[in-house]
Amino acid sequence: MSFIHGLYAITPDETDTTELLRKVRLALLGGASVLQYRNKAADEALRLEQARALRELTHEFSVPLIINDNAALAQQADADGVHLGGEDGSVAAARSVLGKGKLIGVSCYNRVSLAHEAVRQGADYVAFGSFFASAVKPDAVAATPDLLRQARSEISVPLVAIGGITVQNGAQLLEAGADALAVISAVFGATDIRGAARQFSDLILLRQREIT
């Protein structure tokens, strides 16, 4: 199972499964190294259909599939893990559903203390944000690059940055310690999805070369 790093692409709400797969394939061709399935608008049956279809596609690219919020759906779709928000239950509860060997990520917003607690409970990675204004979550709490620097000095698991991230502003988050940039609109809202994903992938690869 791949390490959480690079471009962490999060799916847009899309009711047409064929169209969703087309968009995700382009992002994967552009170098996305993690995919999170997130669809707040779909019903349970459609979510399962889409999650299973994405599982097949991500297998093709050897990219981990993470399910947003729902450990039971992750288990049904044989996904690689689940991402938990503040209201989505404990790491222990998700682990009891998924078993060992699956990834569990936790949203920690702008609080390093939450990240410490998540790691103590067994989280495999933690996410912070929103770092910039986000059309997806306009009311999200604000995080800063300094928060990432603090977390990087205290926490050993991968750090994911999210919230209004673009190729132009993402570099400062990588420099502050982010291992992955979680993106929805800047990739899936682009006219050229593959090209947008490639720009992020190239940015992250350049940063990795600079620090090694």
N, C-alpha and C. Protein backbone atom coordinates (compact mmCIF):
# COMPACT_ATOMS: atom_id res chain seq x y z
N MET A 1 0.84 -1.19 0.00
CA MET A 1 0.00 0.00 0.00
C MET A 1 0.88 1.25 0.00
N SER A 2 0.50 2.19 -0.83
CA SER A 2 1.33 3.37 -1.01
C SER A 2 1.31 4.27 0.23
N PHE A 3 2.40 4.93 0.43
CA PHE A 3 2.53 5.94 1.47
C PHE A 3 1.71 7.16 1.07
N ILE A 4 1.16 7.87 2.04
CA ILE A 4 0.37 9.07 1.74
C ILE A 4 1.33 10.21 1.43
N HIS A 5 1.38 10.59 0.18
CA HIS A 5 2.26 11.67 -0.24
C HIS A 5 1.79 12.18 -1.61
N GLY A 6 2.32 13.32 -2.02
CA GLY A 6 2.06 13.83 -3.36
C GLY A 6 0.70 14.48 -3.50
N LEU A 7 0.12 14.36 -4.69
CA LEU A 7 -1.18 14.93 -4.96
C LEU A 7 -2.27 13.99 -4.46
N TYR A 8 -3.02 14.45 -3.47
CA TYR A 8 -4.10 13.70 -2.84
C TYR A 8 -5.39 14.26 -3.44
N ALA A 9 -5.87 13.61 -4.49
CA ALA A 9 -7.04 14.11 -5.22
C ALA A 9 -8.33 13.66 -4.54
N ILE A 10 -9.26 14.60 -4.37
CA ILE A 10 -10.56 14.30 -3.76
C ILE A 10 -11.64 14.50 -4.81
N THR A 11 -12.49 13.50 -4.97
CA THR A 11 -13.46 13.54 -6.05
C THR A 11 -14.52 14.63 -5.83
N PRO A 12 -15.00 15.20 -6.94
CA PRO A 12 -16.13 16.13 -6.86
C PRO A 12 -17.43 15.33 -6.76
N ASP A 13 -18.51 15.97 -6.32
CA ASP A 13 -19.82 15.33 -6.36
C ASP A 13 -20.20 15.13 -7.83
N GLU A 14 -20.43 13.89 -8.21
CA GLU A 14 -20.76 13.56 -9.60
C GLU A 14 -21.70 12.37 -9.60
N THR A 15 -22.93 12.58 -10.08
CA THR A 15 -23.91 11.50 -10.07
C THR A 15 -23.71 10.51 -11.21
N ASP A 16 -23.05 10.93 -12.27
CA ASP A 16 -22.81 10.06 -13.42
C ASP A 16 -21.50 9.31 -13.19
N THR A 17 -21.61 8.02 -12.92
CA THR A 17 -20.43 7.23 -12.58
C THR A 17 -19.44 7.17 -13.73
N THR A 18 -19.92 7.08 -14.95
CA THR A 18 -19.02 7.05 -16.12
C THR A 18 -18.23 8.34 -16.22
N GLU A 19 -18.89 9.46 -15.98
CA GLU A 19 -18.21 10.75 -16.03
C GLU A 19 -17.22 10.88 -14.87
N LEU A 20 -17.60 10.39 -13.70
CA LEU A 20 -16.68 10.41 -12.56
C LEU A 20 -15.42 9.63 -12.88
N LEU A 21 -15.57 8.45 -13.44
CA LEU A 21 -14.41 7.62 -13.78
C LEU A 21 -13.55 8.29 -14.84
N ARG A 22 -14.17 8.96 -15.79
CA ARG A 22 -13.39 9.67 -16.81
C ARG A 22 -12.53 10.75 -16.17
N LYS A 23 -13.12 11.52 -15.28
CA LYS A 23 -12.38 12.60 -14.63
C LYS A 23 -11.25 12.05 -13.76
N VAL A 24 -11.56 11.01 -12.99
CA VAL A 24 -10.55 10.45 -12.09
C VAL A 24 -9.41 9.83 -12.88
N ARG A 25 -9.73 9.16 -13.99
CA ARG A 25 -8.66 8.58 -14.81
C ARG A 25 -7.70 9.66 -15.28
N LEU A 26 -8.23 10.80 -15.67
CA LEU A 26 -7.37 11.90 -16.12
C LEU A 26 -6.47 12.38 -14.98
N ALA A 27 -7.03 12.49 -13.78
CA ALA A 27 -6.23 12.92 -12.63
C ALA A 27 -5.13 11.91 -12.32
N LEU A 28 -5.46 10.63 -12.42
CA LEU A 28 -4.46 9.59 -12.16
C LEU A 28 -3.38 9.59 -13.25
N LEU A 29 -3.78 9.80 -14.49
CA LEU A 29 -2.81 9.91 -15.57
C LEU A 29 -1.89 11.11 -15.37
N GLY A 30 -2.42 12.14 -14.71
CA GLY A 30 -1.62 13.33 -14.41
C GLY A 30 -0.71 13.17 -13.21
N GLY A 31 -0.81 12.04 -12.52
CA GLY A 31 0.12 11.77 -11.43
C GLY A 31 -0.44 11.81 -10.03
N ALA A 32 -1.76 11.90 -9.88
CA ALA A 32 -2.33 11.83 -8.53
C ALA A 32 -1.89 10.54 -7.85
N SER A 33 -1.42 10.63 -6.62
CA SER A 33 -0.86 9.46 -5.94
C SER A 33 -1.74 8.92 -4.82
N VAL A 34 -2.82 9.63 -4.52
CA VAL A 34 -3.85 9.17 -3.57
C VAL A 34 -5.18 9.66 -4.11
N LEU A 35 -6.24 8.85 -3.95
CA LEU A 35 -7.57 9.30 -4.33
C LEU A 35 -8.51 9.11 -3.15
N GLN A 36 -9.23 10.17 -2.82
CA GLN A 36 -10.29 10.07 -1.82
C GLN A 36 -11.64 10.20 -2.52
N TYR A 37 -12.51 9.22 -2.27
CA TYR A 37 -13.87 9.29 -2.79
C TYR A 37 -14.75 10.04 -1.80
N ARG A 38 -15.31 11.14 -2.28
CA ARG A 38 -16.16 11.99 -1.45
C ARG A 38 -17.37 12.40 -2.29
N ASN A 39 -18.55 12.01 -1.86
CA ASN A 39 -19.77 12.42 -2.57
C ASN A 39 -20.87 12.62 -1.54
N LYS A 40 -21.11 13.87 -1.19
CA LYS A 40 -22.09 14.19 -0.16
C LYS A 40 -23.52 14.13 -0.69
N ALA A 41 -23.67 14.16 -2.02
CA ALA A 41 -25.00 14.25 -2.61
C ALA A 41 -25.60 12.89 -2.97
N ALA A 42 -24.78 11.86 -3.12
CA ALA A 42 -25.26 10.56 -3.60
C ALA A 42 -25.95 9.77 -2.50
N ASP A 43 -26.86 8.88 -2.92
CA ASP A 43 -27.46 7.97 -1.96
C ASP A 43 -26.54 6.78 -1.72
N GLU A 44 -26.94 5.92 -0.80
CA GLU A 44 -26.07 4.83 -0.38
C GLU A 44 -25.73 3.88 -1.53
N ALA A 45 -26.71 3.57 -2.36
CA ALA A 45 -26.48 2.64 -3.47
C ALA A 45 -25.50 3.22 -4.49
N LEU A 46 -25.65 4.49 -4.81
CA LEU A 46 -24.76 5.13 -5.77
C LEU A 46 -23.35 5.24 -5.21
N ARG A 47 -23.24 5.55 -3.93
CA ARG A 47 -21.91 5.63 -3.31
C ARG A 47 -21.19 4.29 -3.42
N LEU A 48 -21.90 3.20 -3.16
CA LEU A 48 -21.27 1.89 -3.23
C LEU A 48 -20.88 1.56 -4.67
N GLU A 49 -21.75 1.87 -5.62
CA GLU A 49 -21.43 1.65 -7.03
C GLU A 49 -20.18 2.42 -7.43
N GLN A 50 -20.13 3.68 -7.05
CA GLN A 50 -19.00 4.52 -7.45
C GLN A 50 -17.72 4.11 -6.73
N ALA A 51 -17.83 3.79 -5.46
CA ALA A 51 -16.65 3.39 -4.69
C ALA A 51 -16.04 2.11 -5.28
N ARG A 52 -16.88 1.15 -5.63
CA ARG A 52 -16.37 -0.10 -6.20
C ARG A 52 -15.74 0.13 -7.57
N ALA A 53 -16.35 1.00 -8.36
CA ALA A 53 -15.78 1.31 -9.67
C ALA A 53 -14.43 2.02 -9.53
N LEU A 54 -14.35 2.93 -8.57
CA LEU A 54 -13.09 3.62 -8.32
C LEU A 54 -12.03 2.68 -7.76
N ARG A 55 -12.45 1.68 -7.00
CA ARG A 55 -11.52 0.69 -6.49
C ARG A 55 -10.81 -0.03 -7.64
N GLU A 56 -11.56 -0.40 -8.66
CA GLU A 56 -10.98 -1.06 -9.82
C GLU A 56 -10.02 -0.12 -10.55
N LEU A 57 -10.42 1.12 -10.71
CA LEU A 57 -9.59 2.09 -11.42
C LEU A 57 -8.30 2.39 -10.67
N THR A 58 -8.39 2.58 -9.37
CA THR A 58 -7.18 2.88 -8.60
C THR A 58 -6.24 1.67 -8.52
N HIS A 59 -6.80 0.47 -8.55
CA HIS A 59 -5.95 -0.72 -8.63
C HIS A 59 -5.11 -0.69 -9.91
N GLU A 60 -5.72 -0.26 -10.97
CA GLU A 60 -5.03 -0.19 -12.26
C GLU A 60 -3.80 0.71 -12.17
N PHE A 61 -3.90 1.75 -11.36
CA PHE A 61 -2.81 2.72 -11.24
C PHE A 61 -1.96 2.50 -9.99
N SER A 62 -2.29 1.47 -9.21
CA SER A 62 -1.58 1.19 -7.95
C SER A 62 -1.59 2.40 -7.02
N VAL A 63 -2.75 3.02 -6.92
CA VAL A 63 -2.96 4.21 -6.09
C VAL A 63 -3.96 3.86 -4.99
N PRO A 64 -3.70 4.25 -3.75
CA PRO A 64 -4.64 3.94 -2.67
C PRO A 64 -5.95 4.71 -2.80
N LEU A 65 -7.04 4.03 -2.51
CA LEU A 65 -8.37 4.64 -2.48
C LEU A 65 -8.80 4.81 -1.04
N ILE A 66 -9.10 6.05 -0.67
CA ILE A 66 -9.58 6.39 0.67
C ILE A 66 -11.04 6.82 0.55
N ILE A 67 -11.88 6.35 1.45
CA ILE A 67 -13.29 6.73 1.45
C ILE A 67 -13.52 7.80 2.51
N ASN A 68 -14.18 8.85 2.13
CA ASN A 68 -14.47 9.94 3.06
C ASN A 68 -15.58 9.55 4.03
N ASP A 69 -15.32 9.69 5.30
CA ASP A 69 -16.33 9.63 6.38
C ASP A 69 -16.86 8.25 6.76
N ASN A 70 -16.84 7.28 5.85
CA ASN A 70 -17.68 6.09 6.02
C ASN A 70 -16.84 4.81 6.03
N ALA A 71 -16.52 4.31 7.22
CA ALA A 71 -15.71 3.09 7.33
C ALA A 71 -16.45 1.88 6.77
N ALA A 72 -17.76 1.83 6.96
CA ALA A 72 -18.53 0.69 6.43
C ALA A 72 -18.48 0.65 4.91
N LEU A 73 -18.58 1.80 4.28
CA LEU A 73 -18.48 1.85 2.81
C LEU A 73 -17.07 1.46 2.37
N ALA A 74 -16.06 1.91 3.10
CA ALA A 74 -14.68 1.52 2.77
C ALA A 74 -14.52 0.01 2.84
N GLN A 75 -15.13 -0.60 3.84
CA GLN A 75 -15.03 -2.05 3.99
C GLN A 75 -15.77 -2.76 2.84
N GLN A 76 -16.97 -2.27 2.50
CA GLN A 76 -17.76 -2.89 1.43
C GLN A 76 -17.06 -2.79 0.08
N ALA A 77 -16.38 -1.69 -0.16
CA ALA A 77 -15.72 -1.46 -1.44
C ALA A 77 -14.30 -2.01 -1.48
N ASP A 78 -13.84 -2.56 -0.35
CA ASP A 78 -12.46 -3.03 -0.24
C ASP A 78 -11.46 -1.91 -0.54
N ALA A 79 -11.80 -0.71 -0.06
CA ALA A 79 -10.90 0.43 -0.23
C ALA A 79 -9.68 0.27 0.67
N ASP A 80 -8.70 1.13 0.45
CA ASP A 80 -7.46 1.06 1.24
C ASP A 80 -7.58 1.75 2.58
N GLY A 81 -8.66 2.51 2.78
CA GLY A 81 -8.80 3.16 4.06
C GLY A 81 -9.95 4.14 4.09
N VAL A 82 -10.03 4.88 5.18
CA VAL A 82 -11.10 5.83 5.40
C VAL A 82 -10.50 7.12 5.95
N HIS A 83 -11.17 8.23 5.65
CA HIS A 83 -10.78 9.52 6.23
C HIS A 83 -11.90 10.00 7.13
N LEU A 84 -11.57 10.29 8.38
CA LEU A 84 -12.56 10.66 9.38
C LEU A 84 -12.54 12.15 9.67
N GLY A 85 -13.72 12.78 9.64
CA GLY A 85 -13.87 14.15 10.09
C GLY A 85 -14.19 14.19 11.57
N GLY A 86 -14.45 15.37 12.06
CA GLY A 86 -14.68 15.54 13.49
C GLY A 86 -15.91 14.83 14.03
N GLU A 87 -16.89 14.56 13.15
CA GLU A 87 -18.14 13.94 13.59
C GLU A 87 -18.27 12.49 13.10
N ASP A 88 -17.18 11.89 12.67
CA ASP A 88 -17.27 10.59 12.00
C ASP A 88 -16.84 9.41 12.86
N GLY A 89 -16.76 9.60 14.16
CA GLY A 89 -16.41 8.49 15.04
C GLY A 89 -14.92 8.38 15.28
N SER A 90 -14.55 7.42 16.10
CA SER A 90 -13.17 7.29 16.55
C SER A 90 -12.33 6.45 15.61
N VAL A 91 -11.02 6.60 15.75
CA VAL A 91 -10.09 5.75 15.02
C VAL A 91 -10.31 4.29 15.38
N ALA A 92 -10.54 4.04 16.66
CA ALA A 92 -10.74 2.66 17.12
C ALA A 92 -11.97 2.03 16.48
N ALA A 93 -13.04 2.80 16.38
CA ALA A 93 -14.26 2.27 15.76
C ALA A 93 -14.03 1.96 14.29
N ALA A 94 -13.33 2.85 13.59
CA ALA A 94 -13.03 2.60 12.18
C ALA A 94 -12.13 1.38 12.03
N ARG A 95 -11.17 1.26 12.92
CA ARG A 95 -10.24 0.11 12.86
C ARG A 95 -10.98 -1.20 13.10
N SER A 96 -11.98 -1.17 13.96
CA SER A 96 -12.73 -2.40 14.23
C SER A 96 -13.52 -2.84 13.00
N VAL A 97 -13.90 -1.89 12.16
CA VAL A 97 -14.61 -2.21 10.92
C VAL A 97 -13.64 -2.66 9.83
N LEU A 98 -12.54 -1.94 9.69
CA LEU A 98 -11.62 -2.17 8.57
C LEU A 98 -10.56 -3.22 8.85
N GLY A 99 -10.20 -3.40 10.10
CA GLY A 99 -9.14 -4.34 10.44
C GLY A 99 -7.77 -3.73 10.24
N LYS A 100 -6.75 -4.53 10.54
CA LYS A 100 -5.37 -4.07 10.42
C LYS A 100 -4.99 -3.95 8.94
N GLY A 101 -4.00 -3.10 8.68
CA GLY A 101 -3.49 -2.98 7.33
C GLY A 101 -4.20 -1.96 6.47
N LYS A 102 -5.27 -1.37 6.96
CA LYS A 102 -5.96 -0.32 6.22
C LYS A 102 -5.55 1.05 6.77
N LEU A 103 -5.63 2.06 5.92
CA LEU A 103 -5.24 3.41 6.31
C LEU A 103 -6.39 4.15 6.96
N ILE A 104 -6.09 4.88 8.02
CA ILE A 104 -7.08 5.74 8.65
C ILE A 104 -6.47 7.14 8.78
N GLY A 105 -7.13 8.10 8.14
CA GLY A 105 -6.71 9.49 8.24
C GLY A 105 -7.73 10.27 9.05
N VAL A 106 -7.28 11.35 9.67
CA VAL A 106 -8.15 12.14 10.55
C VAL A 106 -7.98 13.63 10.26
N SER A 107 -9.09 14.32 10.09
CA SER A 107 -9.07 15.77 9.95
C SER A 107 -8.81 16.41 11.31
N CYS A 108 -7.80 17.25 11.38
CA CYS A 108 -7.44 17.91 12.64
C CYS A 108 -7.59 19.43 12.55
N TYR A 109 -8.10 19.91 11.44
CA TYR A 109 -8.47 21.30 11.25
C TYR A 109 -7.28 22.23 11.52
N ASN A 110 -7.32 23.02 12.58
CA ASN A 110 -6.19 23.90 12.89
C ASN A 110 -5.66 23.65 14.29
N ARG A 111 -5.74 22.37 14.72
CA ARG A 111 -5.34 22.04 16.09
C ARG A 111 -4.35 20.88 16.11
N VAL A 112 -3.12 21.18 16.47
CA VAL A 112 -2.10 20.14 16.57
C VAL A 112 -2.44 19.15 17.68
N SER A 113 -3.14 19.63 18.71
CA SER A 113 -3.53 18.73 19.80
C SER A 113 -4.42 17.59 19.30
N LEU A 114 -5.30 17.88 18.35
CA LEU A 114 -6.14 16.83 17.76
C LEU A 114 -5.28 15.82 17.02
N ALA A 115 -4.25 16.30 16.36
CA ALA A 115 -3.36 15.40 15.62
C ALA A 115 -2.62 14.46 16.57
N HIS A 116 -2.14 15.00 17.67
CA HIS A 116 -1.47 14.15 18.66
C HIS A 116 -2.40 13.06 19.16
N GLU A 117 -3.65 13.43 19.42
CA GLU A 117 -4.62 12.45 19.91
C GLU A 117 -4.95 11.42 18.83
N ALA A 118 -5.07 11.86 17.59
CA ALA A 118 -5.35 10.93 16.50
C ALA A 118 -4.22 9.93 16.33
N VAL A 119 -2.99 10.40 16.41
CA VAL A 119 -1.83 9.50 16.28
C VAL A 119 -1.79 8.53 17.45
N ARG A 120 -2.10 9.04 18.64
CA ARG A 120 -2.12 8.16 19.82
C ARG A 120 -3.14 7.03 19.63
N GLN A 121 -4.23 7.34 18.97
CA GLN A 121 -5.27 6.34 18.75
C GLN A 121 -4.95 5.40 17.59
N GLY A 122 -3.92 5.75 16.82
CA GLY A 122 -3.52 4.85 15.74
C GLY A 122 -3.76 5.36 14.34
N ALA A 123 -3.98 6.67 14.16
CA ALA A 123 -4.17 7.22 12.82
C ALA A 123 -2.89 7.06 12.00
N ASP A 124 -3.06 6.81 10.72
CA ASP A 124 -1.91 6.63 9.82
C ASP A 124 -1.46 7.93 9.18
N TYR A 125 -2.35 8.90 9.13
CA TYR A 125 -1.99 10.24 8.67
C TYR A 125 -2.99 11.23 9.23
N VAL A 126 -2.61 12.51 9.24
CA VAL A 126 -3.51 13.56 9.73
C VAL A 126 -3.57 14.67 8.70
N ALA A 127 -4.71 15.37 8.69
CA ALA A 127 -4.91 16.46 7.73
C ALA A 127 -5.22 17.75 8.47
N PHE A 128 -4.69 18.85 7.93
CA PHE A 128 -4.95 20.18 8.49
C PHE A 128 -5.53 21.08 7.40
N GLY A 129 -6.33 22.05 7.81
CA GLY A 129 -6.88 23.03 6.88
C GLY A 129 -8.15 23.65 7.47
N SER A 130 -8.64 24.66 6.85
CA SER A 130 -8.39 25.09 5.49
C SER A 130 -7.29 26.17 5.48
N PHE A 131 -6.34 26.01 4.54
CA PHE A 131 -5.24 26.95 4.48
C PHE A 131 -5.58 28.20 3.67
N PHE A 132 -6.48 28.04 2.71
CA PHE A 132 -6.91 29.17 1.89
C PHE A 132 -8.42 29.09 1.71
N ALA A 133 -9.02 30.16 1.22
CA ALA A 133 -10.46 30.17 1.00
C ALA A 133 -10.86 29.02 0.08
N SER A 134 -11.89 28.31 0.48
CA SER A 134 -12.32 27.12 -0.26
C SER A 134 -13.77 27.25 -0.68
N ALA A 135 -14.02 27.01 -1.98
CA ALA A 135 -15.40 27.04 -2.47
C ALA A 135 -16.18 25.84 -1.96
N VAL A 136 -15.48 24.73 -1.68
CA VAL A 136 -16.16 23.52 -1.21
C VAL A 136 -16.60 23.68 0.23
N LYS A 137 -15.72 24.30 1.07
CA LYS A 137 -16.05 24.53 2.48
C LYS A 137 -15.76 25.99 2.83
N PRO A 138 -16.66 26.90 2.43
CA PRO A 138 -16.38 28.33 2.64
C PRO A 138 -16.32 28.75 4.10
N ASP A 139 -16.91 27.96 5.00
CA ASP A 139 -16.93 28.32 6.41
C ASP A 139 -15.91 27.55 7.25
N ALA A 140 -14.97 26.88 6.58
CA ALA A 140 -13.99 26.06 7.30
C ALA A 140 -13.08 26.93 8.16
N VAL A 141 -12.61 26.35 9.27
CA VAL A 141 -11.66 27.08 10.12
C VAL A 141 -10.36 27.29 9.37
N ALA A 142 -9.61 28.32 9.77
CA ALA A 142 -8.39 28.68 9.06
C ALA A 142 -7.16 28.06 9.73
N ALA A 143 -6.28 27.51 8.90
CA ALA A 143 -4.98 27.00 9.37
C ALA A 143 -3.87 27.80 8.69
N THR A 144 -2.67 27.72 9.25
CA THR A 144 -1.55 28.49 8.73
C THR A 144 -0.34 27.59 8.46
N PRO A 145 0.58 28.04 7.62
CA PRO A 145 1.81 27.27 7.42
C PRO A 145 2.59 27.04 8.72
N ASP A 146 2.52 27.97 9.64
CA ASP A 146 3.21 27.79 10.92
C ASP A 146 2.66 26.58 11.68
N LEU A 147 1.38 26.33 11.54
CA LEU A 147 0.77 25.15 12.15
C LEU A 147 1.42 23.88 11.58
N LEU A 148 1.62 23.86 10.27
CA LEU A 148 2.28 22.71 9.64
C LEU A 148 3.71 22.55 10.16
N ARG A 149 4.41 23.66 10.31
CA ARG A 149 5.79 23.59 10.81
C ARG A 149 5.82 22.98 12.21
N GLN A 150 4.89 23.41 13.05
CA GLN A 150 4.82 22.86 14.41
C GLN A 150 4.51 21.37 14.35
N ALA A 151 3.51 21.00 13.55
CA ALA A 151 3.12 19.59 13.46
C ALA A 151 4.27 18.75 12.91
N ARG A 152 4.98 19.28 11.93
CA ARG A 152 6.09 18.53 11.33
C ARG A 152 7.19 18.25 12.36
N SER A 153 7.38 19.19 13.28
CA SER A 153 8.43 19.01 14.28
C SER A 153 8.01 18.06 15.41
N GLU A 154 6.71 17.80 15.53
CA GLU A 154 6.21 17.01 16.66
C GLU A 154 5.59 15.67 16.26
N ILE A 155 5.22 15.52 15.00
CA ILE A 155 4.43 14.37 14.57
C ILE A 155 5.14 13.65 13.42
N SER A 156 5.18 12.33 13.50
CA SER A 156 5.95 11.57 12.51
C SER A 156 5.11 11.02 11.36
N VAL A 157 3.77 10.95 11.52
CA VAL A 157 2.95 10.41 10.43
C VAL A 157 2.81 11.46 9.32
N PRO A 158 2.44 11.05 8.12
CA PRO A 158 2.28 12.01 7.03
C PRO A 158 1.26 13.10 7.34
N LEU A 159 1.56 14.30 6.85
CA LEU A 159 0.70 15.47 7.03
C LEU A 159 0.08 15.85 5.69
N VAL A 160 -1.24 15.99 5.68
CA VAL A 160 -1.96 16.38 4.48
C VAL A 160 -2.51 17.79 4.68
N ALA A 161 -2.29 18.65 3.70
CA ALA A 161 -2.84 20.01 3.73
C ALA A 161 -4.02 20.09 2.79
N ILE A 162 -5.08 20.82 3.21
CA ILE A 162 -6.29 20.92 2.40
C ILE A 162 -6.90 22.30 2.53
N GLY A 163 -7.64 22.70 1.50
CA GLY A 163 -8.40 23.94 1.59
C GLY A 163 -7.92 25.02 0.65
N GLY A 164 -8.56 25.14 -0.52
CA GLY A 164 -8.26 26.22 -1.44
C GLY A 164 -6.87 26.16 -2.05
N ILE A 165 -6.28 24.99 -2.12
CA ILE A 165 -4.89 24.87 -2.57
C ILE A 165 -4.81 24.91 -4.09
N THR A 166 -3.85 25.69 -4.59
CA THR A 166 -3.55 25.80 -6.01
C THR A 166 -2.08 25.51 -6.23
N VAL A 167 -1.68 25.41 -7.48
CA VAL A 167 -0.26 25.25 -7.79
C VAL A 167 0.52 26.47 -7.31
N GLN A 168 -0.12 27.63 -7.38
CA GLN A 168 0.57 28.87 -7.00
C GLN A 168 0.80 28.97 -5.49
N ASN A 169 -0.16 28.53 -4.67
CA ASN A 169 0.02 28.68 -3.22
C ASN A 169 0.46 27.39 -2.53
N GLY A 170 0.50 26.29 -3.26
CA GLY A 170 0.83 25.01 -2.63
C GLY A 170 2.28 24.87 -2.21
N ALA A 171 3.18 25.57 -2.90
CA ALA A 171 4.61 25.41 -2.60
C ALA A 171 4.93 25.78 -1.15
N GLN A 172 4.28 26.81 -0.63
CA GLN A 172 4.59 27.23 0.74
C GLN A 172 4.15 26.19 1.76
N LEU A 173 3.13 25.41 1.43
CA LEU A 173 2.67 24.36 2.34
C LEU A 173 3.63 23.18 2.31
N LEU A 174 4.16 22.87 1.14
CA LEU A 174 5.18 21.82 1.05
C LEU A 174 6.43 22.23 1.82
N GLU A 175 6.82 23.49 1.69
CA GLU A 175 7.99 23.99 2.41
C GLU A 175 7.77 23.96 3.92
N ALA A 176 6.53 24.11 4.34
CA ALA A 176 6.21 24.12 5.78
C ALA A 176 6.13 22.71 6.36
N GLY A 177 6.12 21.70 5.49
CA GLY A 177 6.14 20.33 6.00
C GLY A 177 5.06 19.40 5.52
N ALA A 178 4.16 19.86 4.65
CA ALA A 178 3.11 18.99 4.14
C ALA A 178 3.71 17.88 3.28
N ASP A 179 3.24 16.66 3.49
CA ASP A 179 3.64 15.53 2.64
C ASP A 179 2.74 15.40 1.43
N ALA A 180 1.51 15.84 1.56
CA ALA A 180 0.53 15.72 0.48
C ALA A 180 -0.33 16.97 0.43
N LEU A 181 -0.76 17.31 -0.78
CA LEU A 181 -1.69 18.41 -0.99
C LEU A 181 -3.02 17.83 -1.44
N ALA A 182 -4.07 18.04 -0.64
CA ALA A 182 -5.39 17.54 -0.96
C ALA A 182 -6.16 18.59 -1.77
N VAL A 183 -6.62 18.18 -2.94
CA VAL A 183 -7.18 19.14 -3.89
C VAL A 183 -8.47 18.58 -4.51
N ILE A 184 -9.47 19.44 -4.63
CA ILE A 184 -10.68 19.09 -5.38
C ILE A 184 -10.78 20.02 -6.60
N SER A 185 -11.13 21.28 -6.36
CA SER A 185 -11.49 22.21 -7.43
C SER A 185 -10.34 22.50 -8.39
N ALA A 186 -9.13 22.66 -7.86
CA ALA A 186 -8.01 23.04 -8.72
C ALA A 186 -7.62 21.94 -9.70
N VAL A 187 -8.08 20.72 -9.45
CA VAL A 187 -7.86 19.63 -10.40
C VAL A 187 -9.15 19.34 -11.17
N PHE A 188 -10.20 18.97 -10.46
CA PHE A 188 -11.41 18.51 -11.14
C PHE A 188 -12.24 19.65 -11.72
N GLY A 189 -11.97 20.88 -11.29
CA GLY A 189 -12.64 22.03 -11.88
C GLY A 189 -11.89 22.63 -13.05
N ALA A 190 -10.74 22.06 -13.37
CA ALA A 190 -9.91 22.57 -14.46
C ALA A 190 -10.42 22.08 -15.81
N THR A 191 -10.20 22.87 -16.83
CA THR A 191 -10.55 22.45 -18.18
C THR A 191 -9.73 21.24 -18.60
N ASP A 192 -8.46 21.26 -18.22
CA ASP A 192 -7.53 20.16 -18.52
C ASP A 192 -7.19 19.47 -17.19
N ILE A 193 -7.97 18.47 -16.83
CA ILE A 193 -7.78 17.80 -15.54
C ILE A 193 -6.41 17.12 -15.48
N ARG A 194 -6.04 16.43 -16.51
CA ARG A 194 -4.74 15.74 -16.52
C ARG A 194 -3.59 16.74 -16.39
N GLY A 195 -3.69 17.84 -17.12
CA GLY A 195 -2.64 18.85 -17.05
C GLY A 195 -2.56 19.50 -15.68
N ALA A 196 -3.71 19.76 -15.07
CA ALA A 196 -3.72 20.36 -13.74
C ALA A 196 -3.09 19.41 -12.72
N ALA A 197 -3.44 18.12 -12.80
CA ALA A 197 -2.84 17.15 -11.90
C ALA A 197 -1.34 17.06 -12.12
N ARG A 198 -0.91 17.13 -13.36
CA ARG A 198 0.53 17.05 -13.66
C ARG A 198 1.27 18.25 -13.07
N GLN A 199 0.66 19.42 -13.10
CA GLN A 199 1.31 20.59 -12.51
C GLN A 199 1.55 20.39 -11.01
N PHE A 200 0.54 19.87 -10.32
CA PHE A 200 0.72 19.59 -8.90
C PHE A 200 1.78 18.53 -8.67
N SER A 201 1.73 17.48 -9.45
CA SER A 201 2.69 16.39 -9.29
C SER A 201 4.12 16.87 -9.52
N ASP A 202 4.29 17.70 -10.54
CA ASP A 202 5.62 18.25 -10.83
C ASP A 202 6.10 19.16 -9.70
N LEU A 203 5.18 19.96 -9.17
CA LEU A 203 5.53 20.85 -8.05
C LEU A 203 6.02 20.04 -6.85
N ILE A 204 5.30 18.98 -6.53
CA ILE A 204 5.64 18.16 -5.37
C ILE A 204 6.94 17.41 -5.61
N LEU A 205 7.13 16.90 -6.82
CA LEU A 205 8.37 16.20 -7.15
C LEU A 205 9.57 17.14 -7.04
N LEU A 206 9.41 18.36 -7.51
CA LEU A 206 10.49 19.36 -7.42
C LEU A 206 10.85 19.61 -5.96
N ARG A 207 9.84 19.75 -5.13
CA ARG A 207 10.08 19.99 -3.70
C ARG A 207 10.81 18.81 -3.06
N GLN A 208 10.42 17.59 -3.42
CA GLN A 208 11.06 16.40 -2.87
C GLN A 208 12.53 16.36 -3.28
N ARG A 209 12.83 16.73 -4.48
CA ARG A 209 14.23 16.76 -4.94
C ARG A 209 15.04 17.80 -4.19
N GLU A 210 14.40 18.93 -3.88
CA GLU A 210 15.10 20.00 -3.17
C GLU A 210 15.50 19.58 -1.76
N ILE A 211 14.65 18.78 -1.11
CA ILE A 211 14.95 18.41 0.28
C ILE A 211 15.80 17.13 0.39
N THR A 212 16.02 16.45 -0.75
CA THR A 212 16.88 15.26 -0.75
C THR A 212 18.14 15.55 -1.53
